[in-house]
């Protein structure tokens, strides 16, 4: 979760590429591992860009055409359609033999259609049904399900005391998530904060967004340094 521009969609695009690469290598040394596992990308904000996947794959020395063949895009236009897709998601996981499901984002449509306190209860109930369906699907089919979430500002918090941003969706989304990572801007870089994990300590790490997608800051520095040396004739 995170505010606009914090890197949520960029992380999703990077996952589309790295989900099938060897975790023992990094940067341009990554290699595809055996058969490429299919990925289902549920797009509720029109954020998926195939050209970005091509760019990330080429920057990492991977075959972007083979990766794109295994990414199945589902564009969603309203909350009812999203609920129907998640209700039947098990059928699509079996059909495509998917190993990763990405939803970007989980709450944007419900947040837009169910505005105001009078609709809050119904919105939360609908979100609760969807999220618990996703939890069951992850267990039954042994797939990884990644979804992004938006944040909202709390106006009555005094300025400068604590961070006024809170995850949209409240405790419903928090309780249904195994891992919760908060992304935020830090100048030209980004910071990822582990908020909740069953076996990771609370902590944070700095990362950057480049042609190769989401990367560790140190890896990007080494890559930039190598490029400069090559261009200068070293």
Protein backbone atom coordinates (compact mmCIF):
# COMPACT_ATOMS: atom_id res chain seq x y z
CA UNK A 1 0.00 0.00 0.00
CA UNK A 2 1.08 3.58 -0.48
CA UNK A 3 0.19 6.95 -1.95
CA UNK A 4 0.28 7.74 -5.66
CA UNK A 5 3.75 7.56 -7.15
CA UNK A 6 5.13 5.41 -4.34
CA UNK A 7 5.85 2.49 -6.66
CA UNK A 8 2.88 0.13 -6.21
CA UNK A 9 2.20 -0.42 -9.91
CA UNK A 10 5.92 -0.48 -10.69
CA UNK A 11 6.32 -3.28 -8.16
CA UNK A 12 3.50 -5.21 -9.87
CA UNK A 13 5.18 -4.83 -13.26
CA UNK A 14 8.49 -5.96 -11.81
CA UNK A 15 6.83 -9.03 -10.26
CA UNK A 16 5.48 -9.96 -13.70
CA UNK A 17 9.09 -10.25 -14.86
CA UNK A 18 10.90 -11.55 -11.79
CA UNK A 19 8.35 -14.21 -10.80
CA UNK A 20 10.11 -16.67 -13.10
CA UNK A 21 13.74 -15.68 -12.63
CA UNK A 22 16.51 -17.27 -10.61
CA UNK A 23 16.55 -15.58 -7.16
CA UNK A 24 20.24 -16.47 -6.74
CA UNK A 25 21.28 -13.89 -9.33
CA UNK A 26 20.51 -10.21 -9.73
CA UNK A 27 20.53 -7.39 -12.27
CA UNK A 28 21.45 -8.47 -15.80
CA UNK A 29 22.59 -11.84 -14.49
CA UNK A 30 19.06 -13.10 -13.89
CA UNK A 31 17.97 -16.17 -15.82
CA UNK A 32 14.57 -17.65 -16.54
CA UNK A 33 13.95 -20.85 -14.62
CA UNK A 34 12.48 -23.69 -16.69
CA UNK A 35 8.88 -23.26 -17.78
CA UNK A 36 7.49 -19.75 -17.30
CA UNK A 37 4.65 -19.76 -14.79
CA UNK A 38 1.47 -17.98 -15.95
CA UNK A 39 0.41 -14.79 -14.16
CA UNK A 40 -3.11 -13.32 -13.88
CA UNK A 41 -3.09 -9.52 -13.69
CA UNK A 42 -6.40 -7.97 -12.58
CA UNK A 43 -6.25 -4.30 -13.56
CA UNK A 44 -8.81 -1.99 -11.93
CA UNK A 45 -7.04 1.32 -12.56
CA UNK A 46 -5.82 0.87 -16.14
CA UNK A 47 -2.24 0.81 -14.91
CA UNK A 48 -0.86 -2.23 -16.74
CA UNK A 49 1.56 -1.28 -19.50
CA UNK A 50 3.01 -4.09 -21.67
CA UNK A 51 5.76 -1.77 -22.87
CA UNK A 52 6.91 -1.38 -19.27
CA UNK A 53 7.15 -5.17 -18.92
CA UNK A 54 9.21 -5.22 -22.14
CA UNK A 55 11.52 -2.53 -20.76
CA UNK A 56 12.04 -4.28 -17.42
CA UNK A 57 12.67 -7.65 -19.08
CA UNK A 58 15.19 -6.24 -21.57
CA UNK A 59 17.01 -4.34 -18.83
CA UNK A 60 17.39 -7.62 -16.94
CA UNK A 61 18.49 -9.56 -20.01
CA UNK A 62 15.31 -11.64 -20.27
CA UNK A 63 13.07 -12.66 -23.16
CA UNK A 64 10.15 -10.22 -22.92
CA UNK A 65 8.11 -12.00 -25.59
CA UNK A 66 8.07 -15.28 -23.66
CA UNK A 67 7.16 -13.45 -20.45
CA UNK A 68 4.30 -11.50 -22.08
CA UNK A 69 2.80 -14.71 -23.47
CA UNK A 70 2.23 -15.90 -19.91
CA UNK A 71 0.62 -12.73 -18.51
CA UNK A 72 -3.19 -12.80 -18.70
CA UNK A 73 -4.75 -9.36 -18.27
CA UNK A 74 -8.24 -8.83 -16.88
CA UNK A 75 -9.39 -5.21 -17.04
CA UNK A 76 -12.12 -4.30 -14.54
CA UNK A 77 -14.48 -1.32 -14.85
CA UNK A 78 -16.74 -1.52 -11.78
CA UNK A 79 -16.89 -3.13 -8.36
CA UNK A 80 -19.54 -5.69 -9.34
CA UNK A 81 -17.30 -6.95 -12.13
CA UNK A 82 -14.36 -7.24 -9.73
CA UNK A 83 -16.45 -9.22 -7.25
CA UNK A 84 -17.59 -11.57 -10.03
CA UNK A 85 -14.03 -12.13 -11.25
CA UNK A 86 -12.76 -12.93 -7.76
CA UNK A 87 -15.76 -15.23 -7.17
CA UNK A 88 -14.76 -17.26 -10.26
CA UNK A 89 -11.01 -16.76 -9.90
CA UNK A 90 -10.44 -20.42 -9.01
CA UNK A 91 -11.69 -21.44 -12.45
CA UNK A 92 -9.23 -19.08 -14.14
CA UNK A 93 -6.33 -20.24 -11.97
CA UNK A 94 -7.03 -23.81 -13.05
CA UNK A 95 -7.54 -22.87 -16.69
CA UNK A 96 -4.30 -20.90 -17.02
CA UNK A 97 -2.38 -22.88 -14.37
CA UNK A 98 -1.41 -19.57 -12.79
CA UNK A 99 1.09 -19.36 -9.94
CA UNK A 100 0.77 -15.62 -9.27
CA UNK A 101 -2.30 -13.35 -9.15
CA UNK A 102 -1.85 -9.57 -9.05
CA UNK A 103 -4.70 -7.15 -8.33
CA UNK A 104 -3.92 -3.47 -8.84
CA UNK A 105 -5.73 -2.19 -6.86
CA UNK A 106 -8.13 -4.00 -4.54
CA UNK A 107 -10.14 -1.04 -3.26
CA UNK A 108 -10.14 1.70 -5.91
CA UNK A 109 -13.52 0.83 -7.45
CA UNK A 110 -15.33 0.20 -4.15
CA UNK A 111 -13.88 3.39 -2.74
CA UNK A 112 -15.23 5.39 -5.68
CA UNK A 113 -18.67 3.75 -5.82
CA UNK A 114 -19.35 3.50 -2.07
CA UNK A 115 -18.58 7.00 -0.84
CA UNK A 116 -19.98 8.47 2.35
CA UNK A 117 -20.57 7.03 5.80
CA UNK A 118 -24.00 5.67 4.91
CA UNK A 119 -22.43 3.18 2.45
CA UNK A 120 -19.39 2.31 4.59
CA UNK A 121 -20.93 -0.80 6.14
CA UNK A 122 -21.95 -2.32 2.80
CA UNK A 123 -18.55 -1.52 1.27
CA UNK A 124 -16.69 -3.20 4.11
CA UNK A 125 -18.89 -6.29 3.90
CA UNK A 126 -18.24 -6.63 0.18
CA UNK A 127 -14.50 -6.17 0.68
CA UNK A 128 -14.52 -8.76 3.46
CA UNK A 129 -16.16 -11.36 1.20
CA UNK A 130 -13.64 -10.73 -1.60
CA UNK A 131 -10.60 -10.83 0.66
CA UNK A 132 -11.58 -14.04 2.43
CA UNK A 133 -12.21 -15.62 -0.99
CA UNK A 134 -8.66 -14.66 -1.99
CA UNK A 135 -7.24 -16.16 1.22
CA UNK A 136 -8.99 -19.46 0.53
CA UNK A 137 -7.84 -19.50 -3.10
CA UNK A 138 -4.23 -18.94 -2.06
CA UNK A 139 -4.44 -21.93 0.27
CA UNK A 140 -6.31 -24.26 -2.08
CA UNK A 141 -4.28 -23.63 -5.25
CA UNK A 142 -0.94 -22.78 -3.57
CA UNK A 143 -0.63 -19.50 -5.47
CA UNK A 144 0.78 -16.15 -4.44
CA UNK A 145 -1.80 -13.35 -4.47
CA UNK A 146 -0.50 -9.77 -4.43
CA UNK A 147 -2.82 -6.81 -4.28
CA UNK A 148 -2.16 -3.10 -3.90
CA UNK A 149 -4.10 -0.79 -1.64
CA UNK A 150 -4.54 2.96 -1.48
CA UNK A 151 -4.12 5.25 1.51
CA UNK A 152 -6.23 8.05 2.95
CA UNK A 153 -5.37 11.09 5.03
CA UNK A 154 -6.69 11.67 8.53
CA UNK A 155 -7.34 15.46 8.66
CA UNK A 156 -7.80 15.78 12.44
CA UNK A 157 -4.23 14.70 13.29
CA UNK A 158 -2.02 17.67 14.27
CA UNK A 159 0.58 18.45 11.63
CA UNK A 160 4.02 17.01 12.32
CA UNK A 161 3.01 14.68 15.17
CA UNK A 162 2.53 11.36 13.35
CA UNK A 163 2.04 10.22 9.76
CA UNK A 164 -1.52 11.28 8.82
CA UNK A 165 -1.90 8.59 6.14
CA UNK A 166 -3.77 5.38 6.86
CA UNK A 167 -4.52 2.35 4.70
CA UNK A 168 -7.90 2.57 2.99
CA UNK A 169 -10.27 -0.24 3.88
CA UNK A 170 -9.46 -0.29 7.59
CA UNK A 171 -9.03 -3.47 9.60
CA UNK A 172 -10.86 -5.61 7.02
CA UNK A 173 -7.90 -5.47 4.64
CA UNK A 174 -5.30 -5.53 7.42
CA UNK A 175 -6.60 -8.78 8.95
CA UNK A 176 -6.92 -10.52 5.58
CA UNK A 177 -3.31 -9.80 4.56
CA UNK A 178 -0.45 -12.11 5.51
CA UNK A 179 2.19 -9.52 4.62
CA UNK A 180 1.61 -5.78 4.61
CA UNK A 181 4.23 -3.47 3.11
CA UNK A 182 3.91 0.31 3.15
CA UNK A 183 5.60 2.17 0.29
CA UNK A 184 6.43 5.84 0.47
CA UNK A 185 8.45 8.42 -1.44
CA UNK A 186 11.94 9.41 -0.27
CA UNK A 187 13.24 11.99 -2.70
CA UNK A 188 14.19 10.26 -5.95
CA UNK A 189 14.05 6.88 -4.18
CA UNK A 190 11.35 4.97 -2.32
CA UNK A 191 11.13 3.28 1.09
CA UNK A 192 9.40 -0.04 1.76
CA UNK A 193 8.32 -0.61 5.38
CA UNK A 194 7.33 -4.06 6.61
CA UNK A 195 4.24 -3.40 8.73
CA UNK A 196 3.02 -6.94 9.28
CA UNK A 197 4.56 -10.37 8.72
CA UNK A 198 4.29 -13.75 10.47
CA UNK A 199 8.07 -14.18 10.57
CA UNK A 200 9.75 -10.91 9.54
CA UNK A 201 10.76 -8.22 11.98
CA UNK A 202 9.48 -4.69 11.57
CA UNK A 203 11.93 -2.85 9.37
CA UNK A 204 12.43 -0.79 6.26
CA UNK A 205 14.58 -0.80 3.15
CA UNK A 206 15.31 1.82 0.51
CA UNK A 207 14.78 1.01 -3.17
CA UNK A 208 14.70 2.82 -6.48
CA UNK A 209 12.71 2.58 -9.71
CA UNK A 210 14.71 2.35 -12.93
CA UNK A 211 14.50 0.85 -16.41
CA UNK A 212 14.93 -2.54 -14.71
CA UNK A 213 11.90 -1.95 -12.49
CA UNK A 214 12.08 -1.99 -8.70
CA UNK A 215 15.70 -2.44 -7.64
CA UNK A 216 17.86 -2.14 -4.57
CA UNK A 217 19.57 1.26 -4.42
CA UNK A 218 23.05 -0.30 -4.22
CA UNK A 219 22.39 -2.53 -7.26
CA UNK A 220 21.31 0.51 -9.27
CA UNK A 221 24.46 2.41 -8.23
CA UNK A 222 26.70 -0.45 -9.36
CA UNK A 223 24.80 -0.76 -12.66
CA UNK A 224 25.07 2.99 -13.32
CA UNK A 225 28.77 2.97 -12.44
CA UNK A 226 29.44 0.07 -14.84
CA UNK A 227 27.60 1.84 -17.64
CA UNK A 228 29.59 5.03 -17.09
CA UNK A 229 32.88 3.14 -17.16
CA UNK A 230 31.94 1.37 -20.39
CA UNK A 231 30.98 4.64 -22.04
CA UNK A 232 34.22 6.29 -20.96
CA UNK A 233 36.31 3.46 -22.44
CA UNK A 234 37.36 1.68 -19.25
